[in-house]
PDB file of all heavy atoms in Angstrom:
ATOM      1  N   GLY A   1       0.796  -1.211   0.034  1.00  0.00           N
ATOM      2  CA  GLY A   1      -0.030  -0.020  -0.032  1.00  0.00           C
ATOM      3  C   GLY A   1       0.882   1.264  -0.059  1.00  0.00           C
ATOM      4  O   GLY A   1       0.206   2.410   0.319  1.00  0.00           O
ATOM      5  N   HIS A   2       2.136   1.152  -0.346  1.00  0.00           N
ATOM      6  CA  HIS A   2       2.943   2.373  -0.424  1.00  0.00           C
ATOM      7  C   HIS A   2       3.241   2.807  -1.788  1.00  0.00           C
ATOM      8  O   HIS A   2       3.091   1.988  -2.790  1.00  0.00           O
ATOM      9  CB  HIS A   2       4.299   2.129   0.319  1.00  0.00           C
ATOM     10  CG  HIS A   2       4.167   2.325   1.863  1.00  0.00           C
ATOM     11  ND1 HIS A   2       4.087   3.537   2.379  1.00  0.00           N
ATOM     12  CD2 HIS A   2       4.123   1.435   2.859  1.00  0.00           C
ATOM     13  CE1 HIS A   2       4.065   3.495   3.738  1.00  0.00           C
ATOM     14  NE2 HIS A   2       4.001   2.216   4.013  1.00  0.00           N
ATOM     15  N   ASP A   3       3.591   3.986  -2.025  1.00  0.00           N
ATOM     16  CA  ASP A   3       3.941   4.491  -3.350  1.00  0.00           C
ATOM     17  C   ASP A   3       5.264   3.946  -3.900  1.00  0.00           C
ATOM     18  O   ASP A   3       5.569   4.097  -5.096  1.00  0.00           O
ATOM     19  CB  ASP A   3       3.991   6.112  -3.313  1.00  0.00           C
ATOM     20  CG  ASP A   3       2.606   6.729  -3.011  1.00  0.00           C
ATOM     21  OD1 ASP A   3       1.930   6.193  -2.243  1.00  0.00           O
ATOM     22  OD2 ASP A   3       2.354   7.808  -3.623  1.00  0.00           O
ATOM     23  N   GLY A   4       6.103   3.333  -3.059  1.00  0.00           N
ATOM     24  CA  GLY A   4       7.283   2.850  -3.418  1.00  0.00           C
ATOM     25  C   GLY A   4       7.497   1.423  -2.973  1.00  0.00           C
ATOM     26  O   GLY A   4       6.736   0.899  -2.237  1.00  0.00           O
ATOM     27  N   ILE A   5       8.626   0.888  -3.303  1.00  0.00           N
ATOM     28  CA  ILE A   5       8.965  -0.565  -2.880  1.00  0.00           C
ATOM     29  C   ILE A   5       9.481  -0.495  -1.508  1.00  0.00           C
ATOM     30  O   ILE A   5      10.289   0.214  -1.053  1.00  0.00           O
ATOM     31  CB  ILE A   5      10.011  -1.163  -3.815  1.00  0.00           C
ATOM     32  CG1 ILE A   5       9.452  -1.276  -5.196  1.00  0.00           C
ATOM     33  CG2 ILE A   5      10.509  -2.513  -3.363  1.00  0.00           C
ATOM     34  CD1 ILE A   5      10.482  -1.634  -6.341  1.00  0.00           C
ATOM     35  N   VAL A   6       8.931  -1.488  -0.622  1.00  0.00           N
ATOM     36  CA  VAL A   6       9.194  -1.535   0.747  1.00  0.00           C
ATOM     37  C   VAL A   6      10.130  -2.672   0.978  1.00  0.00           C
ATOM     38  O   VAL A   6       9.887  -3.791   0.643  1.00  0.00           O
ATOM     39  CB  VAL A   6       7.968  -1.688   1.573  1.00  0.00           C
ATOM     40  CG1 VAL A   6       8.253  -1.729   3.082  1.00  0.00           C
ATOM     41  CG2 VAL A   6       6.908  -0.582   1.234  1.00  0.00           C
ATOM     42  N   LYS A   7      11.307  -2.435   1.692  1.00  0.00           N
ATOM     43  CA  LYS A   7      12.200  -3.407   2.137  1.00  0.00           C
ATOM     44  C   LYS A   7      12.609  -3.133   3.575  1.00  0.00           C
ATOM     45  O   LYS A   7      13.067  -2.048   3.916  1.00  0.00           O
ATOM     46  CB  LYS A   7      13.450  -3.570   1.175  1.00  0.00           C
ATOM     47  CG  LYS A   7      13.111  -4.025  -0.207  1.00  0.00           C
ATOM     48  CD  LYS A   7      14.373  -4.147  -0.967  1.00  0.00           C
ATOM     49  CE  LYS A   7      14.029  -4.754  -2.402  1.00  0.00           C
ATOM     50  NZ  LYS A   7      15.312  -4.868  -3.267  1.00  0.00           N
ATOM     51  N   ASP A   8      12.415  -4.112   4.407  1.00  0.00           N
ATOM     52  CA  ASP A   8      12.832  -4.030   5.865  1.00  0.00           C
ATOM     53  C   ASP A   8      12.160  -2.768   6.522  1.00  0.00           C
ATOM     54  O   ASP A   8      12.778  -2.090   7.313  1.00  0.00           O
ATOM     55  CB  ASP A   8      14.308  -3.951   6.095  1.00  0.00           C
ATOM     56  CG  ASP A   8      15.046  -5.210   5.525  1.00  0.00           C
ATOM     57  OD1 ASP A   8      14.479  -6.334   5.717  1.00  0.00           O
ATOM     58  OD2 ASP A   8      16.061  -5.150   4.959  1.00  0.00           O
ATOM     59  N   GLY A   9      10.911  -2.518   6.009  1.00  0.00           N
ATOM     60  CA  GLY A   9      10.212  -1.313   6.639  1.00  0.00           C
ATOM     61  C   GLY A   9      10.617   0.050   6.029  1.00  0.00           C
ATOM     62  O   GLY A   9       9.996   1.068   6.528  1.00  0.00           O
ATOM     63  N   LYS A  10      11.362   0.130   5.091  1.00  0.00           N
ATOM     64  CA  LYS A  10      11.777   1.381   4.541  1.00  0.00           C
ATOM     65  C   LYS A  10      11.360   1.381   2.962  1.00  0.00           C
ATOM     66  O   LYS A  10      11.344   0.400   2.319  1.00  0.00           O
ATOM     67  CB  LYS A  10      13.294   1.532   4.660  1.00  0.00           C
ATOM     68  CG  LYS A  10      13.866   1.654   5.973  1.00  0.00           C
ATOM     69  CD  LYS A  10      15.396   1.911   5.949  1.00  0.00           C
ATOM     70  CE  LYS A  10      15.830   2.087   7.444  1.00  0.00           C
ATOM     71  NZ  LYS A  10      17.310   2.393   7.374  1.00  0.00           N
ATOM     72  N   ILE A  11      11.027   2.611   2.531  1.00  0.00           N
ATOM     73  CA  ILE A  11      10.733   2.841   1.145  1.00  0.00           C
ATOM     74  C   ILE A  11      11.980   3.037   0.388  1.00  0.00           C
ATOM     75  O   ILE A  11      12.780   3.877   0.633  1.00  0.00           O
ATOM     76  CB  ILE A  11       9.811   4.021   0.972  1.00  0.00           C
ATOM     77  CG1 ILE A  11       8.730   4.039   2.017  1.00  0.00           C
ATOM     78  CG2 ILE A  11       9.328   4.183  -0.460  1.00  0.00           C
ATOM     79  CD1 ILE A  11       7.844   2.944   1.847  1.00  0.00           C
ATOM     80  N   ILE A  12      12.300   2.250  -0.607  1.00  0.00           N
ATOM     81  CA  ILE A  12      13.466   2.136  -1.373  1.00  0.00           C
ATOM     82  C   ILE A  12      13.385   3.139  -2.626  1.00  0.00           C
ATOM     83  O   ILE A  12      12.627   2.747  -3.535  1.00  0.00           O
ATOM     84  CB  ILE A  12      13.937   0.796  -1.777  1.00  0.00           C
ATOM     85  CG1 ILE A  12      13.927  -0.245  -0.640  1.00  0.00           C
ATOM     86  CG2 ILE A  12      15.228   0.746  -2.401  1.00  0.00           C
ATOM     87  CD1 ILE A  12      14.813   0.192   0.536  1.00  0.00           C
ATOM     88  N   ASN A  13      14.067   4.125  -2.532  1.00  0.00           N
ATOM     89  CA  ASN A  13      13.920   5.202  -3.518  1.00  0.00           C
ATOM     90  C   ASN A  13      14.262   4.867  -4.973  1.00  0.00           C
ATOM     91  O   ASN A  13      13.462   4.809  -5.835  1.00  0.00           O
ATOM     92  CB  ASN A  13      14.683   6.503  -3.125  1.00  0.00           C
ATOM     93  CG  ASN A  13      14.320   7.704  -3.958  1.00  0.00           C
ATOM     94  OD1 ASN A  13      13.452   8.422  -3.536  1.00  0.00           O
ATOM     95  ND2 ASN A  13      15.059   7.886  -5.101  1.00  0.00           N
ATOM     96  N   ASP A  14      15.547   4.470  -5.140  1.00  0.00           N
ATOM     97  CA  ASP A  14      16.103   4.204  -6.487  1.00  0.00           C
ATOM     98  C   ASP A  14      15.534   3.164  -7.222  1.00  0.00           C
ATOM     99  O   ASP A  14      15.244   3.248  -8.484  1.00  0.00           O
ATOM    100  CB  ASP A  14      17.623   4.184  -6.400  1.00  0.00           C
ATOM    101  CG  ASP A  14      18.295   5.462  -5.906  1.00  0.00           C
ATOM    102  OD1 ASP A  14      17.600   6.375  -5.436  1.00  0.00           O
ATOM    103  OD2 ASP A  14      19.498   5.601  -6.001  1.00  0.00           O
ATOM    104  N   GLU A  15      15.251   2.040  -6.532  1.00  0.00           N
ATOM    105  CA  GLU A  15      14.641   0.873  -7.205  1.00  0.00           C
ATOM    106  C   GLU A  15      13.097   1.250  -7.602  1.00  0.00           C
ATOM    107  O   GLU A  15      12.753   0.801  -8.610  1.00  0.00           O
ATOM    108  CB  GLU A  15      14.690  -0.276  -6.136  1.00  0.00           C
ATOM    109  CG  GLU A  15      14.259  -1.590  -6.748  1.00  0.00           C
ATOM    110  CD  GLU A  15      14.355  -2.894  -5.948  1.00  0.00           C
ATOM    111  OE1 GLU A  15      15.174  -2.666  -4.874  1.00  0.00           O
ATOM    112  OE2 GLU A  15      13.721  -3.777  -6.122  1.00  0.00           O
ATOM    113  N   THR A  16      12.485   2.047  -6.640  1.00  0.00           N
ATOM    114  CA  THR A  16      11.186   2.451  -7.052  1.00  0.00           C
ATOM    115  C   THR A  16      11.223   3.370  -8.281  1.00  0.00           C
ATOM    116  O   THR A  16      10.344   3.179  -9.085  1.00  0.00           O
ATOM    117  CB  THR A  16      10.579   3.174  -5.860  1.00  0.00           C
ATOM    118  OG1 THR A  16      10.436   2.447  -4.770  1.00  0.00           O
ATOM    119  CG2 THR A  16       9.155   3.879  -6.224  1.00  0.00           C
ATOM    120  N   VAL A  17      12.147   4.256  -8.403  1.00  0.00           N
ATOM    121  CA  VAL A  17      12.215   5.145  -9.521  1.00  0.00           C
ATOM    122  C   VAL A  17      12.372   4.394 -10.843  1.00  0.00           C
ATOM    123  O   VAL A  17      11.705   4.817 -11.847  1.00  0.00           O
ATOM    124  CB  VAL A  17      13.299   6.236  -9.302  1.00  0.00           C
ATOM    125  CG1 VAL A  17      13.574   6.885 -10.709  1.00  0.00           C
ATOM    126  CG2 VAL A  17      13.035   7.190  -8.229  1.00  0.00           C
ATOM    127  N   SER A  18      13.141   3.299 -10.855  1.00  0.00           N
ATOM    128  CA  SER A  18      13.198   2.479 -11.993  1.00  0.00           C
ATOM    129  C   SER A  18      11.829   1.918 -12.464  1.00  0.00           C
ATOM    130  O   SER A  18      11.479   1.888 -13.637  1.00  0.00           O
ATOM    131  CB  SER A  18      14.219   1.369 -11.772  1.00  0.00           C
ATOM    132  OG  SER A  18      14.313   0.515 -12.939  1.00  0.00           O
ATOM    133  N   ARG A  19      11.098   1.465 -11.465  1.00  0.00           N
ATOM    134  CA  ARG A  19       9.747   0.908 -11.807  1.00  0.00           C
ATOM    135  C   ARG A  19       8.828   1.996 -12.303  1.00  0.00           C
ATOM    136  O   ARG A  19       8.080   1.783 -13.274  1.00  0.00           O
ATOM    137  CB  ARG A  19       9.010   0.273 -10.507  1.00  0.00           C
ATOM    138  CG  ARG A  19       9.809  -0.936  -9.990  1.00  0.00           C
ATOM    139  CD  ARG A  19       9.495  -2.153 -10.732  1.00  0.00           C
ATOM    140  NE  ARG A  19       8.031  -2.561 -10.754  1.00  0.00           N
ATOM    141  CZ  ARG A  19       7.257  -2.692 -11.755  1.00  0.00           C
ATOM    142  NH1 ARG A  19       7.696  -2.597 -13.050  1.00  0.00           N
ATOM    143  NH2 ARG A  19       6.059  -2.975 -11.711  1.00  0.00           N
ATOM    144  N   LEU A  20       8.911   3.257 -11.736  1.00  0.00           N
ATOM    145  CA  LEU A  20       8.032   4.316 -12.191  1.00  0.00           C
ATOM    146  C   LEU A  20       8.335   4.735 -13.591  1.00  0.00           C
ATOM    147  O   LEU A  20       7.432   4.976 -14.402  1.00  0.00           O
ATOM    148  CB  LEU A  20       8.198   5.445 -11.173  1.00  0.00           C
ATOM    149  CG  LEU A  20       7.940   5.241  -9.749  1.00  0.00           C
ATOM    150  CD1 LEU A  20       8.183   6.440  -8.906  1.00  0.00           C
ATOM    151  CD2 LEU A  20       6.449   4.831  -9.548  1.00  0.00           C
ATOM    152  N   ALA A  21       9.593   4.772 -13.966  1.00  0.00           N
ATOM    153  CA  ALA A  21       9.940   5.088 -15.336  1.00  0.00           C
ATOM    154  C   ALA A  21       9.297   4.091 -16.334  1.00  0.00           C
ATOM    155  O   ALA A  21       8.890   4.423 -17.389  1.00  0.00           O
ATOM    156  CB  ALA A  21      11.437   5.190 -15.454  1.00  0.00           C
ATOM    157  N   GLU A  22       9.461   2.787 -16.005  1.00  0.00           N
ATOM    158  CA  GLU A  22       8.829   1.813 -16.836  1.00  0.00           C
ATOM    159  C   GLU A  22       7.374   1.950 -17.008  1.00  0.00           C
ATOM    160  O   GLU A  22       6.766   1.828 -18.011  1.00  0.00           O
ATOM    161  CB  GLU A  22       9.223   0.341 -16.131  1.00  0.00           C
ATOM    162  CG  GLU A  22       8.806  -0.723 -17.060  1.00  0.00           C
ATOM    163  CD  GLU A  22       9.101  -2.096 -16.435  1.00  0.00           C
ATOM    164  OE1 GLU A  22       9.692  -2.164 -15.348  1.00  0.00           O
ATOM    165  OE2 GLU A  22       8.682  -3.158 -17.054  1.00  0.00           O
ATOM    166  N   MET A  23       6.719   2.285 -15.876  1.00  0.00           N
ATOM    167  CA  MET A  23       5.251   2.497 -15.804  1.00  0.00           C
ATOM    168  C   MET A  23       4.890   3.616 -16.776  1.00  0.00           C
ATOM    169  O   MET A  23       3.996   3.620 -17.581  1.00  0.00           O
ATOM    170  CB  MET A  23       4.723   2.873 -14.433  1.00  0.00           C
ATOM    171  CG  MET A  23       4.635   1.666 -13.555  1.00  0.00           C
ATOM    172  SD  MET A  23       4.177   2.156 -11.862  1.00  0.00           S
ATOM    173  CE  MET A  23       2.549   2.776 -12.174  1.00  0.00           C
ATOM    174  N   ALA A  24       5.643   4.801 -16.653  1.00  0.00           N
ATOM    175  CA  ALA A  24       5.395   5.882 -17.416  1.00  0.00           C
ATOM    176  C   ALA A  24       5.493   5.709 -18.912  1.00  0.00           C
ATOM    177  O   ALA A  24       4.681   6.104 -19.732  1.00  0.00           O
ATOM    178  CB  ALA A  24       6.309   6.983 -17.065  1.00  0.00           C
ATOM    179  N   VAL A  25       6.541   4.964 -19.347  1.00  0.00           N
ATOM    180  CA  VAL A  25       6.669   4.608 -20.814  1.00  0.00           C
ATOM    181  C   VAL A  25       5.492   3.848 -21.260  1.00  0.00           C
ATOM    182  O   VAL A  25       4.943   4.085 -22.411  1.00  0.00           O
ATOM    183  CB  VAL A  25       7.985   3.899 -20.997  1.00  0.00           C
ATOM    184  CG1 VAL A  25       8.060   3.352 -22.394  1.00  0.00           C
ATOM    185  CG2 VAL A  25       9.198   4.884 -20.738  1.00  0.00           C
ATOM    186  N   MET A  26       5.081   2.864 -20.444  1.00  0.00           N
ATOM    187  CA  MET A  26       4.040   1.989 -20.944  1.00  0.00           C
ATOM    188  C   MET A  26       2.722   2.831 -21.050  1.00  0.00           C
ATOM    189  O   MET A  26       1.801   2.606 -21.930  1.00  0.00           O
ATOM    190  CB  MET A  26       3.825   0.806 -20.069  1.00  0.00           C
ATOM    191  CG  MET A  26       4.967  -0.141 -20.106  1.00  0.00           C
ATOM    192  SD  MET A  26       4.734  -1.767 -19.395  1.00  0.00           S
ATOM    193  CE  MET A  26       3.616  -2.582 -20.443  1.00  0.00           C
ATOM    194  N   GLN A  27       2.486   3.762 -20.114  1.00  0.00           N
ATOM    195  CA  GLN A  27       1.246   4.538 -20.117  1.00  0.00           C
ATOM    196  C   GLN A  27       1.325   5.590 -21.338  1.00  0.00           C
ATOM    197  O   GLN A  27       0.269   5.743 -22.020  1.00  0.00           O
ATOM    198  CB  GLN A  27       1.152   5.487 -18.880  1.00  0.00           C
ATOM    199  CG  GLN A  27       0.795   4.616 -17.691  1.00  0.00           C
ATOM    200  CD  GLN A  27       0.856   5.334 -16.251  1.00  0.00           C
ATOM    201  OE1 GLN A  27       1.196   6.530 -16.270  1.00  0.00           O
ATOM    202  NE2 GLN A  27       0.747   4.641 -15.198  1.00  0.00           N
ATOM    203  N   ALA A  28       2.499   6.020 -21.658  1.00  0.00           N
ATOM    204  CA  ALA A  28       2.680   6.902 -22.807  1.00  0.00           C
ATOM    205  C   ALA A  28       2.366   6.051 -24.114  1.00  0.00           C
ATOM    206  O   ALA A  28       1.700   6.550 -25.144  1.00  0.00           O
ATOM    207  CB  ALA A  28       4.057   7.449 -23.000  1.00  0.00           C
ATOM    208  N   GLN A  29       2.843   4.772 -24.175  1.00  0.00           N
ATOM    209  CA  GLN A  29       2.552   3.860 -25.296  1.00  0.00           C
ATOM    210  C   GLN A  29       1.018   3.672 -25.474  1.00  0.00           C
ATOM    211  O   GLN A  29       0.558   3.488 -26.588  1.00  0.00           O
ATOM    212  CB  GLN A  29       3.196   2.565 -25.098  1.00  0.00           C
ATOM    213  CG  GLN A  29       4.762   2.667 -25.292  1.00  0.00           C
ATOM    214  CD  GLN A  29       5.430   1.224 -24.810  1.00  0.00           C
ATOM    215  OE1 GLN A  29       4.826   0.455 -24.067  1.00  0.00           O
ATOM    216  NE2 GLN A  29       6.609   1.124 -25.270  1.00  0.00           N
ATOM    217  N   ALA A  30       0.254   3.623 -24.268  1.00  0.00           N
ATOM    218  CA  ALA A  30      -1.123   3.370 -24.322  1.00  0.00           C
ATOM    219  C   ALA A  30      -1.856   4.679 -24.818  1.00  0.00           C
ATOM    220  O   ALA A  30      -3.021   4.472 -25.299  1.00  0.00           O
ATOM    221  CB  ALA A  30      -1.614   2.931 -22.927  1.00  0.00           C
ATOM    222  N   GLY A  31      -1.291   5.771 -24.838  1.00  0.00           N
ATOM    223  CA  GLY A  31      -1.912   6.863 -25.328  1.00  0.00           C
ATOM    224  C   GLY A  31      -2.028   8.062 -24.338  1.00  0.00           C
ATOM    225  O   GLY A  31      -2.811   9.150 -24.723  1.00  0.00           O
ATOM    226  N   ALA A  32      -1.494   7.990 -23.160  1.00  0.00           N
ATOM    227  CA  ALA A  32      -1.613   9.064 -22.139  1.00  0.00           C
ATOM    228  C   ALA A  32      -1.060  10.391 -22.761  1.00  0.00           C
ATOM    229  O   ALA A  32       0.045  10.429 -23.332  1.00  0.00           O
ATOM    230  CB  ALA A  32      -0.870   8.714 -20.956  1.00  0.00           C
ATOM    231  N   ASP A  33      -1.768  11.493 -22.513  1.00  0.00           N
ATOM    232  CA  ASP A  33      -1.301  12.771 -22.859  1.00  0.00           C
ATOM    233  C   ASP A  33      -0.441  13.520 -21.917  1.00  0.00           C
ATOM    234  O   ASP A  33       0.485  14.106 -22.124  1.00  0.00           O
ATOM    235  CB  ASP A  33      -2.592  13.676 -23.123  1.00  0.00           C
ATOM    236  CG  ASP A  33      -3.533  13.173 -24.141  1.00  0.00           C
ATOM    237  OD1 ASP A  33      -3.113  13.397 -25.332  1.00  0.00           O
ATOM    238  OD2 ASP A  33      -4.564  12.622 -23.857  1.00  0.00           O
ATOM    239  N   ILE A  34      -0.746  13.095 -20.577  1.00  0.00           N
ATOM    240  CA  ILE A  34      -0.079  13.722 -19.488  1.00  0.00           C
ATOM    241  C   ILE A  34       0.291  12.689 -18.455  1.00  0.00           C
ATOM    242  O   ILE A  34      -0.476  11.786 -18.085  1.00  0.00           O
ATOM    243  CB  ILE A  34      -0.820  14.811 -18.673  1.00  0.00           C
ATOM    244  CG1 ILE A  34      -1.290  15.873 -19.662  1.00  0.00           C
ATOM    245  CG2 ILE A  34      -0.015  15.358 -17.526  1.00  0.00           C
ATOM    246  CD1 ILE A  34      -2.205  16.937 -19.129  1.00  0.00           C
ATOM    247  N   ILE A  35       1.632  12.531 -18.117  1.00  0.00           N
ATOM    248  CA  ILE A  35       1.937  11.520 -17.101  1.00  0.00           C
ATOM    249  C   ILE A  35       2.030  12.263 -15.777  1.00  0.00           C
ATOM    250  O   ILE A  35       2.568  13.295 -15.600  1.00  0.00           O
ATOM    251  CB  ILE A  35       3.429  10.977 -17.386  1.00  0.00           C
ATOM    252  CG1 ILE A  35       3.455  10.327 -18.798  1.00  0.00           C
ATOM    253  CG2 ILE A  35       3.912  10.012 -16.302  1.00  0.00           C
ATOM    254  CD1 ILE A  35       2.599   9.109 -18.919  1.00  0.00           C
ATOM    255  N   GLY A  36       1.423  11.636 -14.729  1.00  0.00           N
ATOM    256  CA  GLY A  36       1.320  12.296 -13.428  1.00  0.00           C
ATOM    257  C   GLY A  36       2.122  11.453 -12.319  1.00  0.00           C
ATOM    258  O   GLY A  36       1.349  10.700 -11.651  1.00  0.00           O
ATOM    259  N   PRO A  37       3.269  11.676 -12.109  1.00  0.00           N
ATOM    260  CA  PRO A  37       4.023  11.003 -10.970  1.00  0.00           C
ATOM    261  C   PRO A  37       3.585  11.538  -9.640  1.00  0.00           C
ATOM    262  O   PRO A  37       3.827  12.730  -9.271  1.00  0.00           O
ATOM    263  CB  PRO A  37       5.565  11.331 -11.285  1.00  0.00           C
ATOM    264  CG  PRO A  37       5.623  11.862 -12.683  1.00  0.00           C
ATOM    265  CD  PRO A  37       4.268  12.551 -12.944  1.00  0.00           C
ATOM    266  N   SER A  38       2.954  10.678  -8.847  1.00  0.00           N
ATOM    267  CA  SER A  38       2.438  11.185  -7.497  1.00  0.00           C
ATOM    268  C   SER A  38       3.118  10.585  -6.387  1.00  0.00           C
ATOM    269  O   SER A  38       2.550  10.750  -5.230  1.00  0.00           O
ATOM    270  CB  SER A  38       0.831  10.690  -7.528  1.00  0.00           C
ATOM    271  OG  SER A  38       0.703   9.365  -7.653  1.00  0.00           O
TER     272      SER A  38
END
């Protein structure tokens, strides 16, 4: 239920960012006009 990947109770920043970039590209491929990193 967190916005990032959780390991040992901590939100792991850099590994999460890699996943978010992958998500963004796939959303753009689907036709998104605006990407909203939240």
